[in-house]
């Protein structure tokens, strides 16, 4: 009816040591999470891919990247524009809007190719990458590497999902454009920074460990 089970437990010194370790790792995480998410790693390629949902400052940065990076062609991706109620036609998509903005920024129309996705809702980044893969195959375009340009802390997740979609035969480089609405070195001081970092951290964990194509 009665048992005796001795157990190990932390002493007060152990509790203090554990708390100090948690604080140290917490501070390191806060300082390193933005550079981890907002990664930049370029591949040697003539193809630049731009996510169509980007803000105007990122579109301008994409135009500068294309002009200065020696690229030959630029692809824009993205699905239906929010508020349209779903896919209507290819020209009512983020890919088309981004292509138009790039042309306004000085990129020749002959160098810009929009690749719209018909999907709206969940897994939009992955569906955009799948649309790009389908376009390349349909048009018999052989690509060994690309550079994907996106915004700030979204970069690591975009890189992961595009690599999943395009497969190991295509090397995916990634270019992160900093969000000017907050100082990335002190992102926790800004509501925009907190929203972006927390949201992208959760989204990346989902994409890394729970998302399966």
N, C-alpha and C. Protein backbone atom coordinates (compact mmCIF):
# COMPACT_ATOMS: atom_id res chain seq x y z
N UNK A 1 0.83 -1.22 0.00
CA UNK A 1 0.00 0.00 0.00
C UNK A 1 0.86 1.27 0.00
N UNK A 2 2.09 1.17 0.49
CA UNK A 2 2.95 2.35 0.58
C UNK A 2 4.31 2.01 -0.04
N UNK A 3 4.84 2.94 -0.84
CA UNK A 3 6.18 2.78 -1.42
C UNK A 3 7.01 4.00 -1.08
N UNK A 4 8.31 3.79 -1.05
CA UNK A 4 9.26 4.88 -0.80
C UNK A 4 10.13 5.03 -2.04
N UNK A 5 10.10 6.21 -2.66
CA UNK A 5 10.87 6.44 -3.87
C UNK A 5 11.71 7.70 -3.72
N UNK A 6 12.98 7.55 -3.46
CA UNK A 6 13.85 8.73 -3.39
C UNK A 6 13.98 9.34 -4.78
N UNK A 7 14.19 10.64 -4.88
CA UNK A 7 14.31 11.30 -6.17
C UNK A 7 15.35 12.41 -6.10
N UNK A 8 15.86 12.72 -7.30
CA UNK A 8 16.78 13.84 -7.41
C UNK A 8 15.99 15.13 -7.63
N UNK A 9 16.44 16.23 -7.05
CA UNK A 9 15.80 17.53 -7.24
C UNK A 9 16.86 18.62 -7.20
N UNK A 10 16.60 19.71 -7.86
CA UNK A 10 17.53 20.83 -7.87
C UNK A 10 17.58 21.51 -6.51
N UNK A 11 18.79 21.82 -6.08
CA UNK A 11 18.94 22.65 -4.89
C UNK A 11 18.70 24.10 -5.27
N UNK A 12 18.74 24.99 -4.31
CA UNK A 12 18.55 26.40 -4.65
C UNK A 12 19.67 26.90 -5.53
N UNK A 13 20.88 26.37 -5.32
CA UNK A 13 22.00 26.75 -6.20
C UNK A 13 21.75 26.25 -7.63
N UNK A 14 21.22 25.04 -7.73
CA UNK A 14 20.91 24.51 -9.06
C UNK A 14 19.83 25.32 -9.76
N UNK A 15 18.83 25.76 -9.00
CA UNK A 15 17.77 26.59 -9.58
C UNK A 15 18.33 27.92 -10.09
N UNK A 16 19.23 28.52 -9.31
CA UNK A 16 19.85 29.78 -9.73
C UNK A 16 20.68 29.57 -10.99
N UNK A 17 21.47 28.48 -11.00
CA UNK A 17 22.30 28.20 -12.17
C UNK A 17 21.45 27.97 -13.41
N UNK A 18 20.34 27.25 -13.26
CA UNK A 18 19.45 27.00 -14.40
C UNK A 18 18.82 28.30 -14.90
N UNK A 19 18.45 29.17 -13.97
CA UNK A 19 17.87 30.45 -14.35
C UNK A 19 18.88 31.31 -15.11
N UNK A 20 20.13 31.32 -14.63
CA UNK A 20 21.18 32.10 -15.30
C UNK A 20 21.41 31.57 -16.72
N UNK A 21 21.47 30.24 -16.87
CA UNK A 21 21.65 29.65 -18.19
C UNK A 21 20.49 30.01 -19.12
N UNK A 22 19.26 29.97 -18.59
CA UNK A 22 18.10 30.32 -19.40
C UNK A 22 18.17 31.78 -19.86
N UNK A 23 18.61 32.66 -18.95
CA UNK A 23 18.73 34.07 -19.32
C UNK A 23 19.81 34.28 -20.37
N UNK A 24 20.95 33.59 -20.22
CA UNK A 24 22.05 33.72 -21.17
C UNK A 24 21.61 33.27 -22.56
N UNK A 25 21.01 32.07 -22.62
CA UNK A 25 20.57 31.56 -23.92
C UNK A 25 19.43 32.40 -24.49
N UNK A 26 18.59 32.95 -23.62
CA UNK A 26 17.53 33.82 -24.09
C UNK A 26 18.07 35.09 -24.73
N UNK A 27 19.08 35.70 -24.11
CA UNK A 27 19.69 36.91 -24.67
C UNK A 27 20.38 36.59 -25.99
N UNK A 28 21.10 35.47 -26.03
CA UNK A 28 21.76 35.06 -27.28
C UNK A 28 20.72 34.85 -28.38
N UNK A 29 19.61 34.20 -28.04
CA UNK A 29 18.55 33.97 -29.02
C UNK A 29 17.97 35.26 -29.55
N UNK A 30 17.73 36.23 -28.66
CA UNK A 30 17.17 37.52 -29.08
C UNK A 30 18.12 38.24 -30.02
N UNK A 31 19.42 38.18 -29.72
CA UNK A 31 20.40 38.88 -30.53
C UNK A 31 20.66 38.20 -31.88
N UNK A 32 20.49 36.87 -31.93
CA UNK A 32 20.85 36.12 -33.13
C UNK A 32 19.67 35.71 -34.00
N UNK A 33 18.45 35.86 -33.52
CA UNK A 33 17.31 35.34 -34.28
C UNK A 33 17.10 36.11 -35.58
N UNK A 34 17.28 37.43 -35.57
CA UNK A 34 17.08 38.19 -36.81
C UNK A 34 18.10 37.82 -37.88
N UNK A 35 19.41 37.81 -37.59
CA UNK A 35 20.37 37.38 -38.63
C UNK A 35 20.11 35.96 -39.11
N UNK A 36 19.61 35.09 -38.22
CA UNK A 36 19.31 33.72 -38.61
C UNK A 36 18.16 33.68 -39.62
N UNK A 37 17.10 34.43 -39.36
CA UNK A 37 15.94 34.42 -40.24
C UNK A 37 16.19 35.23 -41.51
N UNK A 38 16.82 36.39 -41.38
CA UNK A 38 17.04 37.29 -42.52
C UNK A 38 18.37 36.97 -43.19
N UNK A 39 18.52 35.74 -43.61
CA UNK A 39 19.78 35.27 -44.19
C UNK A 39 19.95 35.78 -45.62
N UNK A 40 21.21 35.95 -46.03
CA UNK A 40 21.55 36.26 -47.41
C UNK A 40 22.71 35.37 -47.84
N UNK A 41 22.49 34.64 -48.92
CA UNK A 41 23.54 33.77 -49.47
C UNK A 41 23.30 33.67 -50.97
N UNK A 42 24.10 34.37 -51.74
CA UNK A 42 23.93 34.40 -53.19
C UNK A 42 24.59 33.20 -53.87
N UNK A 43 23.95 32.73 -54.93
CA UNK A 43 24.55 31.75 -55.81
C UNK A 43 25.03 32.45 -57.08
N UNK A 44 25.96 31.83 -57.77
CA UNK A 44 26.45 32.36 -59.03
C UNK A 44 25.44 32.00 -60.12
N UNK A 45 24.61 32.94 -60.50
CA UNK A 45 23.52 32.66 -61.42
C UNK A 45 23.14 33.90 -62.20
N UNK A 46 22.46 33.69 -63.32
CA UNK A 46 21.94 34.79 -64.13
C UNK A 46 20.44 34.97 -63.96
N UNK A 47 19.85 34.21 -63.04
CA UNK A 47 18.41 34.23 -62.84
C UNK A 47 18.08 34.81 -61.47
N UNK A 48 17.25 35.85 -61.44
CA UNK A 48 16.78 36.45 -60.20
C UNK A 48 15.26 36.21 -60.09
N UNK A 49 14.82 35.73 -58.94
CA UNK A 49 13.40 35.50 -58.69
C UNK A 49 12.97 36.44 -57.57
N UNK A 50 11.86 37.14 -57.77
CA UNK A 50 11.38 38.12 -56.81
C UNK A 50 9.97 37.73 -56.36
N UNK A 51 9.76 37.67 -55.06
CA UNK A 51 8.42 37.38 -54.55
C UNK A 51 7.53 38.61 -54.73
N UNK A 52 6.36 38.40 -55.30
CA UNK A 52 5.53 39.51 -55.74
C UNK A 52 4.87 40.33 -54.66
N UNK A 53 4.82 39.83 -53.42
CA UNK A 53 4.12 40.55 -52.35
C UNK A 53 4.97 41.63 -51.70
N UNK A 54 6.20 41.82 -52.16
CA UNK A 54 7.13 42.73 -51.50
C UNK A 54 6.66 44.19 -51.56
N UNK A 55 7.10 44.95 -50.55
CA UNK A 55 6.80 46.38 -50.50
C UNK A 55 7.65 47.13 -51.52
N UNK A 56 7.32 48.41 -51.73
CA UNK A 56 7.97 49.20 -52.77
C UNK A 56 9.48 49.31 -52.56
N UNK A 57 9.92 49.45 -51.32
CA UNK A 57 11.36 49.59 -51.07
C UNK A 57 12.10 48.33 -51.49
N UNK A 58 11.48 47.17 -51.32
CA UNK A 58 12.11 45.91 -51.73
C UNK A 58 12.09 45.76 -53.25
N UNK A 59 11.05 46.27 -53.90
CA UNK A 59 11.00 46.25 -55.36
C UNK A 59 12.14 47.09 -55.93
N UNK A 60 12.37 48.26 -55.33
CA UNK A 60 13.48 49.10 -55.78
C UNK A 60 14.82 48.39 -55.57
N UNK A 61 14.94 47.69 -54.45
CA UNK A 61 16.16 46.94 -54.19
C UNK A 61 16.33 45.80 -55.18
N UNK A 62 15.22 45.19 -55.58
CA UNK A 62 15.27 44.11 -56.57
C UNK A 62 15.75 44.63 -57.92
N UNK A 63 15.26 45.81 -58.31
CA UNK A 63 15.70 46.42 -59.56
C UNK A 63 17.19 46.73 -59.53
N UNK A 64 17.67 47.23 -58.40
CA UNK A 64 19.10 47.51 -58.26
C UNK A 64 19.92 46.22 -58.28
N UNK A 65 19.42 45.18 -57.62
CA UNK A 65 20.11 43.89 -57.63
C UNK A 65 20.22 43.34 -59.04
N UNK A 66 19.15 43.43 -59.80
CA UNK A 66 19.16 42.94 -61.18
C UNK A 66 20.15 43.72 -62.03
N UNK A 67 20.13 45.04 -61.89
CA UNK A 67 21.00 45.90 -62.70
C UNK A 67 22.47 45.70 -62.37
N UNK A 68 22.77 45.60 -61.09
CA UNK A 68 24.17 45.53 -60.66
C UNK A 68 24.71 44.11 -60.56
N UNK A 69 23.82 43.12 -60.59
CA UNK A 69 24.26 41.74 -60.37
C UNK A 69 24.55 40.94 -61.61
N UNK A 70 24.43 41.54 -62.78
CA UNK A 70 24.74 40.84 -64.02
C UNK A 70 23.74 39.76 -64.38
N UNK A 71 22.48 39.94 -63.97
CA UNK A 71 21.45 38.95 -64.28
C UNK A 71 20.95 39.13 -65.72
N UNK A 72 20.44 38.04 -66.27
CA UNK A 72 19.89 38.09 -67.62
C UNK A 72 18.36 38.09 -67.63
N UNK A 73 17.77 37.53 -66.57
CA UNK A 73 16.32 37.43 -66.55
C UNK A 73 15.82 37.51 -65.11
N UNK A 74 14.62 38.07 -64.96
CA UNK A 74 14.04 38.20 -63.64
C UNK A 74 12.61 37.63 -63.67
N UNK A 75 12.30 36.76 -62.73
CA UNK A 75 10.98 36.14 -62.61
C UNK A 75 10.28 36.72 -61.39
N UNK A 76 8.98 36.96 -61.52
CA UNK A 76 8.18 37.40 -60.39
C UNK A 76 7.14 36.33 -60.07
N UNK A 77 6.92 36.08 -58.79
CA UNK A 77 5.98 35.04 -58.37
C UNK A 77 4.89 35.64 -57.49
N UNK A 78 3.84 34.89 -57.28
CA UNK A 78 2.78 35.34 -56.38
C UNK A 78 1.41 34.97 -56.90
N UNK A 79 0.48 34.84 -55.96
CA UNK A 79 -0.88 34.42 -56.30
C UNK A 79 -1.84 35.58 -56.41
N UNK A 80 -3.13 35.31 -56.31
CA UNK A 80 -4.16 36.35 -56.45
C UNK A 80 -3.99 37.47 -55.43
N UNK A 81 -4.33 38.66 -55.84
CA UNK A 81 -4.26 39.83 -54.96
C UNK A 81 -5.36 39.73 -53.91
N UNK A 82 -5.00 39.98 -52.67
CA UNK A 82 -5.96 39.90 -51.57
C UNK A 82 -7.12 40.86 -51.80
N UNK A 83 -8.33 40.37 -51.56
CA UNK A 83 -9.52 41.19 -51.73
C UNK A 83 -10.26 40.94 -53.03
N UNK A 84 -9.62 40.17 -53.94
CA UNK A 84 -10.28 39.85 -55.21
C UNK A 84 -11.17 38.62 -55.11
N UNK A 85 -11.08 37.90 -54.00
CA UNK A 85 -11.92 36.73 -53.83
C UNK A 85 -11.39 35.48 -54.50
N UNK A 86 -10.09 35.47 -54.83
CA UNK A 86 -9.51 34.30 -55.47
C UNK A 86 -8.98 34.62 -56.84
N UNK A 87 -8.57 33.58 -57.55
CA UNK A 87 -7.95 33.77 -58.87
C UNK A 87 -8.99 34.22 -59.89
N UNK A 88 -8.66 35.30 -60.61
CA UNK A 88 -9.51 35.81 -61.68
C UNK A 88 -8.82 35.64 -63.03
N UNK A 89 -7.60 36.19 -63.12
CA UNK A 89 -6.76 35.97 -64.29
C UNK A 89 -5.32 36.26 -63.90
N UNK A 90 -4.39 35.96 -64.77
CA UNK A 90 -2.97 36.10 -64.44
C UNK A 90 -2.58 37.54 -64.14
N UNK A 91 -3.33 38.50 -64.66
CA UNK A 91 -2.96 39.90 -64.49
C UNK A 91 -3.55 40.52 -63.22
N UNK A 92 -4.33 39.73 -62.48
CA UNK A 92 -4.82 40.18 -61.18
C UNK A 92 -4.11 39.38 -60.09
N UNK A 93 -2.80 39.27 -60.22
CA UNK A 93 -1.98 38.52 -59.27
C UNK A 93 -0.82 39.38 -58.80
N UNK A 94 -0.23 38.98 -57.69
CA UNK A 94 0.94 39.69 -57.17
C UNK A 94 2.12 39.59 -58.12
N UNK A 95 2.23 38.48 -58.84
CA UNK A 95 3.32 38.32 -59.81
C UNK A 95 3.23 39.38 -60.90
N UNK A 96 2.01 39.63 -61.40
CA UNK A 96 1.82 40.64 -62.44
C UNK A 96 2.08 42.04 -61.90
N UNK A 97 1.59 42.33 -60.69
CA UNK A 97 1.80 43.65 -60.09
C UNK A 97 3.28 43.92 -59.88
N UNK A 98 4.01 42.91 -59.42
CA UNK A 98 5.44 43.06 -59.19
C UNK A 98 6.18 43.28 -60.50
N UNK A 99 5.79 42.54 -61.55
CA UNK A 99 6.42 42.72 -62.86
C UNK A 99 6.23 44.15 -63.35
N UNK A 100 5.02 44.69 -63.18
CA UNK A 100 4.77 46.06 -63.58
C UNK A 100 5.60 47.06 -62.81
N UNK A 101 5.74 46.83 -61.51
CA UNK A 101 6.55 47.73 -60.68
C UNK A 101 8.03 47.67 -61.08
N UNK A 102 8.52 46.49 -61.43
CA UNK A 102 9.91 46.38 -61.87
C UNK A 102 10.15 47.11 -63.18
N UNK A 103 9.18 47.03 -64.08
CA UNK A 103 9.31 47.76 -65.34
C UNK A 103 9.31 49.26 -65.10
N UNK A 104 8.47 49.71 -64.15
CA UNK A 104 8.46 51.14 -63.80
C UNK A 104 9.79 51.55 -63.18
N UNK A 105 10.45 50.60 -62.52
CA UNK A 105 11.75 50.90 -61.88
C UNK A 105 12.91 50.87 -62.87
N UNK A 106 12.61 50.59 -64.15
CA UNK A 106 13.65 50.67 -65.16
C UNK A 106 14.11 49.35 -65.74
N UNK A 107 13.51 48.23 -65.32
CA UNK A 107 13.90 46.94 -65.88
C UNK A 107 13.18 46.74 -67.21
N UNK A 108 13.90 46.40 -68.29
CA UNK A 108 13.24 46.19 -69.58
C UNK A 108 12.19 45.09 -69.50
N UNK A 109 11.06 45.32 -70.15
CA UNK A 109 9.97 44.36 -70.10
C UNK A 109 10.38 43.01 -70.68
N UNK A 110 11.32 43.01 -71.62
CA UNK A 110 11.77 41.77 -72.24
C UNK A 110 12.54 40.88 -71.28
N UNK A 111 13.02 41.46 -70.18
CA UNK A 111 13.79 40.70 -69.19
C UNK A 111 12.91 40.18 -68.05
N UNK A 112 11.67 40.65 -67.98
CA UNK A 112 10.80 40.31 -66.86
C UNK A 112 9.78 39.25 -67.28
N UNK A 113 9.68 38.21 -66.48
CA UNK A 113 8.70 37.15 -66.74
C UNK A 113 7.88 36.92 -65.48
N UNK A 114 6.59 37.18 -65.56
CA UNK A 114 5.73 36.90 -64.41
C UNK A 114 5.33 35.43 -64.43
N UNK A 115 5.31 34.84 -63.23
CA UNK A 115 4.91 33.43 -63.08
C UNK A 115 3.86 33.38 -61.98
N UNK A 116 2.61 33.63 -62.33
CA UNK A 116 1.56 33.69 -61.31
C UNK A 116 1.16 32.32 -60.78
N UNK A 117 0.74 32.31 -59.55
CA UNK A 117 0.15 31.11 -58.94
C UNK A 117 -1.35 31.32 -58.82
N UNK A 118 -2.11 30.25 -58.95
CA UNK A 118 -3.57 30.35 -58.86
C UNK A 118 -4.07 30.10 -57.44
N UNK A 119 -3.15 29.80 -56.53
CA UNK A 119 -3.54 29.42 -55.17
C UNK A 119 -3.63 30.64 -54.27
N UNK A 120 -4.56 30.61 -53.34
CA UNK A 120 -4.70 31.66 -52.33
C UNK A 120 -4.94 30.99 -50.98
N UNK A 121 -4.46 31.61 -49.92
CA UNK A 121 -4.67 31.03 -48.60
C UNK A 121 -3.39 30.44 -48.06
N UNK A 122 -3.40 29.16 -47.68
CA UNK A 122 -2.28 28.54 -47.00
C UNK A 122 -1.16 28.17 -47.97
N UNK A 123 0.05 28.09 -47.44
CA UNK A 123 1.24 27.63 -48.17
C UNK A 123 1.47 28.44 -49.45
N UNK A 124 1.28 29.74 -49.38
CA UNK A 124 1.39 30.57 -50.58
C UNK A 124 2.81 30.60 -51.13
N UNK A 125 3.81 30.64 -50.25
CA UNK A 125 5.19 30.67 -50.72
C UNK A 125 5.54 29.38 -51.45
N UNK A 126 5.14 28.26 -50.90
CA UNK A 126 5.42 26.98 -51.55
C UNK A 126 4.67 26.87 -52.88
N UNK A 127 3.42 27.32 -52.93
CA UNK A 127 2.67 27.26 -54.17
C UNK A 127 3.28 28.16 -55.24
N UNK A 128 3.83 29.29 -54.83
CA UNK A 128 4.52 30.16 -55.78
C UNK A 128 5.76 29.47 -56.35
N UNK A 129 6.48 28.77 -55.48
CA UNK A 129 7.66 28.03 -55.93
C UNK A 129 7.27 26.90 -56.88
N UNK A 130 6.17 26.22 -56.59
CA UNK A 130 5.70 25.15 -57.47
C UNK A 130 5.27 25.70 -58.83
N UNK A 131 4.66 26.88 -58.83
CA UNK A 131 4.28 27.51 -60.10
C UNK A 131 5.52 27.83 -60.93
N UNK A 132 6.58 28.29 -60.28
CA UNK A 132 7.84 28.56 -60.98
C UNK A 132 8.41 27.27 -61.56
N UNK A 133 8.42 26.20 -60.79
CA UNK A 133 8.91 24.92 -61.29
C UNK A 133 8.10 24.46 -62.50
N UNK A 134 6.78 24.59 -62.43
CA UNK A 134 5.92 24.17 -63.54
C UNK A 134 6.21 25.01 -64.79
N UNK A 135 6.42 26.32 -64.62
CA UNK A 135 6.71 27.19 -65.77
C UNK A 135 8.03 26.79 -66.41
N UNK A 136 9.04 26.54 -65.62
CA UNK A 136 10.35 26.16 -66.16
C UNK A 136 10.25 24.86 -66.96
N UNK A 137 9.52 23.91 -66.44
CA UNK A 137 9.38 22.63 -67.14
C UNK A 137 8.54 22.78 -68.40
N UNK A 138 7.46 23.54 -68.32
CA UNK A 138 6.60 23.73 -69.47
C UNK A 138 7.33 24.42 -70.61
N UNK A 139 8.22 25.34 -70.29
CA UNK A 139 8.93 26.11 -71.30
C UNK A 139 10.33 25.56 -71.58
N UNK A 140 10.59 24.34 -71.10
CA UNK A 140 11.87 23.66 -71.37
C UNK A 140 13.06 24.55 -71.04
N UNK A 141 12.95 25.23 -69.91
CA UNK A 141 14.02 26.13 -69.46
C UNK A 141 14.85 25.43 -68.39
N UNK A 142 16.10 25.16 -68.73
CA UNK A 142 16.99 24.48 -67.80
C UNK A 142 17.66 25.50 -66.88
N UNK A 143 17.49 25.33 -65.60
CA UNK A 143 18.07 26.24 -64.62
C UNK A 143 18.81 25.43 -63.57
N UNK A 144 20.05 25.76 -63.35
CA UNK A 144 20.84 25.06 -62.33
C UNK A 144 20.88 25.81 -61.01
N UNK A 145 20.64 27.13 -61.06
CA UNK A 145 20.67 27.92 -59.83
C UNK A 145 19.88 29.19 -60.02
N UNK A 146 19.36 29.71 -58.92
CA UNK A 146 18.65 30.99 -58.93
C UNK A 146 19.03 31.75 -57.67
N UNK A 147 18.78 33.04 -57.69
CA UNK A 147 18.81 33.85 -56.48
C UNK A 147 17.40 34.34 -56.22
N UNK A 148 16.90 34.07 -55.05
CA UNK A 148 15.55 34.47 -54.65
C UNK A 148 15.64 35.71 -53.77
N UNK A 149 14.93 36.76 -54.14
CA UNK A 149 14.93 38.00 -53.36
C UNK A 149 13.61 38.13 -52.63
N UNK A 150 13.71 38.38 -51.33
CA UNK A 150 12.52 38.52 -50.51
C UNK A 150 12.78 39.54 -49.42
N UNK A 151 11.84 39.66 -48.51
CA UNK A 151 11.89 40.72 -47.51
C UNK A 151 12.29 40.20 -46.14
N UNK A 152 13.37 40.71 -45.62
CA UNK A 152 13.78 40.62 -44.22
C UNK A 152 13.70 39.20 -43.64
N UNK A 153 12.99 39.02 -42.52
CA UNK A 153 12.99 37.76 -41.79
C UNK A 153 12.24 36.63 -42.50
N UNK A 154 11.60 36.93 -43.60
CA UNK A 154 10.92 35.89 -44.39
C UNK A 154 11.93 35.05 -45.17
N UNK A 155 13.19 35.48 -45.22
CA UNK A 155 14.16 34.90 -46.14
C UNK A 155 14.42 33.41 -45.90
N UNK A 156 14.69 33.03 -44.67
CA UNK A 156 15.04 31.62 -44.42
C UNK A 156 13.88 30.70 -44.77
N UNK A 157 12.67 31.09 -44.47
CA UNK A 157 11.52 30.26 -44.80
C UNK A 157 11.32 30.17 -46.31
N UNK A 158 11.46 31.30 -47.01
CA UNK A 158 11.33 31.27 -48.46
C UNK A 158 12.39 30.38 -49.09
N UNK A 159 13.61 30.49 -48.59
CA UNK A 159 14.70 29.65 -49.11
C UNK A 159 14.38 28.17 -48.92
N UNK A 160 13.91 27.81 -47.74
CA UNK A 160 13.58 26.42 -47.45
C UNK A 160 12.48 25.90 -48.38
N UNK A 161 11.41 26.66 -48.56
CA UNK A 161 10.27 26.19 -49.34
C UNK A 161 10.57 26.17 -50.83
N UNK A 162 11.31 27.15 -51.34
CA UNK A 162 11.69 27.12 -52.76
C UNK A 162 12.63 25.96 -53.04
N UNK A 163 13.53 25.67 -52.10
CA UNK A 163 14.43 24.54 -52.30
C UNK A 163 13.65 23.23 -52.31
N UNK A 164 12.65 23.10 -51.43
CA UNK A 164 11.80 21.91 -51.43
C UNK A 164 11.09 21.75 -52.77
N UNK A 165 10.57 22.86 -53.29
CA UNK A 165 9.79 22.80 -54.53
C UNK A 165 10.66 22.52 -55.75
N UNK A 166 11.82 23.17 -55.83
CA UNK A 166 12.67 23.05 -57.01
C UNK A 166 13.56 21.82 -56.98
N UNK A 167 13.78 21.26 -55.80
CA UNK A 167 14.55 20.03 -55.71
C UNK A 167 16.06 20.28 -55.64
N UNK A 168 16.78 19.20 -55.43
CA UNK A 168 18.22 19.29 -55.24
C UNK A 168 18.97 19.67 -56.50
N UNK A 169 18.33 19.52 -57.67
CA UNK A 169 19.03 19.82 -58.92
C UNK A 169 19.16 21.32 -59.17
N UNK A 170 18.45 22.14 -58.39
CA UNK A 170 18.54 23.60 -58.53
C UNK A 170 19.05 24.19 -57.22
N UNK A 171 20.15 24.93 -57.29
CA UNK A 171 20.67 25.59 -56.11
C UNK A 171 19.94 26.92 -55.93
N UNK A 172 19.42 27.11 -54.73
CA UNK A 172 18.64 28.32 -54.44
C UNK A 172 19.46 29.25 -53.54
N UNK A 173 19.84 30.39 -54.10
CA UNK A 173 20.44 31.44 -53.28
C UNK A 173 19.35 32.34 -52.73
N UNK A 174 19.66 33.09 -51.70
CA UNK A 174 18.65 33.91 -51.06
C UNK A 174 19.21 35.30 -50.75
N UNK A 175 18.40 36.32 -51.00
CA UNK A 175 18.78 37.71 -50.74
C UNK A 175 17.69 38.34 -49.88
N UNK A 176 18.04 38.80 -48.71
CA UNK A 176 17.10 39.41 -47.79
C UNK A 176 17.24 40.93 -47.84
N UNK A 177 16.13 41.61 -48.05
CA UNK A 177 16.11 43.08 -48.08
C UNK A 177 15.56 43.58 -46.74
N UNK A 178 16.35 44.40 -46.06
CA UNK A 178 15.99 44.86 -44.72
C UNK A 178 14.74 45.74 -44.74
N UNK A 179 13.88 45.51 -43.76
CA UNK A 179 12.69 46.32 -43.56
C UNK A 179 13.08 47.64 -42.88
N UNK A 180 12.87 48.78 -43.52
CA UNK A 180 13.30 50.06 -42.93
C UNK A 180 12.40 50.55 -41.80
N UNK A 181 11.31 49.84 -41.52
CA UNK A 181 10.39 50.28 -40.47
C UNK A 181 10.93 50.04 -39.06
N UNK A 182 12.00 49.27 -38.92
CA UNK A 182 12.59 49.06 -37.60
C UNK A 182 14.07 48.75 -37.73
N UNK A 183 14.79 48.97 -36.64
CA UNK A 183 16.22 48.69 -36.57
C UNK A 183 16.39 47.21 -36.23
N UNK A 184 16.94 46.43 -37.16
CA UNK A 184 17.04 44.98 -36.96
C UNK A 184 17.93 44.61 -35.78
N UNK A 185 18.87 45.47 -35.41
CA UNK A 185 19.74 45.18 -34.28
C UNK A 185 19.00 45.27 -32.94
N UNK A 186 17.87 46.00 -32.94
CA UNK A 186 17.06 46.17 -31.73
C UNK A 186 15.59 45.94 -32.07
N UNK A 187 15.32 44.84 -32.75
CA UNK A 187 13.98 44.59 -33.26
C UNK A 187 12.92 44.53 -32.16
N UNK A 188 13.32 44.12 -30.94
CA UNK A 188 12.35 43.98 -29.85
C UNK A 188 11.84 45.32 -29.33
N UNK A 189 12.43 46.41 -29.77
CA UNK A 189 11.97 47.73 -29.34
C UNK A 189 10.84 48.27 -30.23
N UNK A 190 10.54 47.58 -31.30
CA UNK A 190 9.57 48.07 -32.28
C UNK A 190 8.44 47.07 -32.43
N UNK A 191 7.21 47.56 -32.48
CA UNK A 191 6.08 46.66 -32.66
C UNK A 191 6.16 45.92 -33.99
N UNK A 192 6.62 46.62 -35.03
CA UNK A 192 6.76 45.98 -36.34
C UNK A 192 7.79 44.86 -36.28
N UNK A 193 8.89 45.10 -35.55
CA UNK A 193 9.93 44.09 -35.42
C UNK A 193 9.46 42.88 -34.64
N UNK A 194 8.73 43.11 -33.55
CA UNK A 194 8.22 42.00 -32.73
C UNK A 194 7.24 41.16 -33.53
N UNK A 195 6.33 41.80 -34.24
CA UNK A 195 5.35 41.06 -35.05
C UNK A 195 6.04 40.22 -36.11
N UNK A 196 7.01 40.82 -36.77
CA UNK A 196 7.67 40.10 -37.86
C UNK A 196 8.51 38.94 -37.35
N UNK A 197 9.32 39.17 -36.33
CA UNK A 197 10.22 38.13 -35.84
C UNK A 197 9.43 36.98 -35.21
N UNK A 198 8.45 37.29 -34.36
CA UNK A 198 7.67 36.22 -33.74
C UNK A 198 6.88 35.44 -34.78
N UNK A 199 6.25 36.15 -35.70
CA UNK A 199 5.47 35.48 -36.73
C UNK A 199 6.33 34.60 -37.63
N UNK A 200 7.47 35.11 -38.05
CA UNK A 200 8.33 34.34 -38.95
C UNK A 200 9.03 33.19 -38.23
N UNK A 201 9.29 33.34 -36.94
CA UNK A 201 9.88 32.24 -36.18
C UNK A 201 8.90 31.06 -36.12
N UNK A 202 7.65 31.34 -35.79
CA UNK A 202 6.64 30.29 -35.74
C UNK A 202 6.44 29.68 -37.13
N UNK A 203 6.38 30.52 -38.16
CA UNK A 203 6.16 30.03 -39.52
C UNK A 203 7.33 29.17 -40.00
N UNK A 204 8.54 29.57 -39.64
CA UNK A 204 9.70 28.77 -40.06
C UNK A 204 9.72 27.41 -39.36
N UNK A 205 9.40 27.39 -38.07
CA UNK A 205 9.33 26.11 -37.35
C UNK A 205 8.30 25.19 -37.99
N UNK A 206 7.15 25.75 -38.36
CA UNK A 206 6.13 24.94 -39.04
C UNK A 206 6.65 24.40 -40.37
N UNK A 207 7.27 25.29 -41.18
CA UNK A 207 7.76 24.87 -42.49
C UNK A 207 8.88 23.84 -42.37
N UNK A 208 9.70 23.98 -41.35
CA UNK A 208 10.86 23.10 -41.19
C UNK A 208 10.47 21.72 -40.66
N UNK A 209 9.57 21.67 -39.71
CA UNK A 209 9.31 20.41 -39.01
C UNK A 209 7.93 19.80 -39.24
N UNK A 210 6.98 20.58 -39.72
CA UNK A 210 5.62 20.08 -39.82
C UNK A 210 5.03 20.12 -41.23
N UNK A 211 5.66 20.89 -42.13
CA UNK A 211 5.11 21.01 -43.49
C UNK A 211 5.68 19.90 -44.38
N UNK A 212 4.78 19.22 -45.07
CA UNK A 212 5.18 18.19 -46.03
C UNK A 212 4.45 18.46 -47.34
N UNK A 213 5.18 18.55 -48.45
CA UNK A 213 4.53 18.84 -49.74
C UNK A 213 3.51 17.77 -50.10
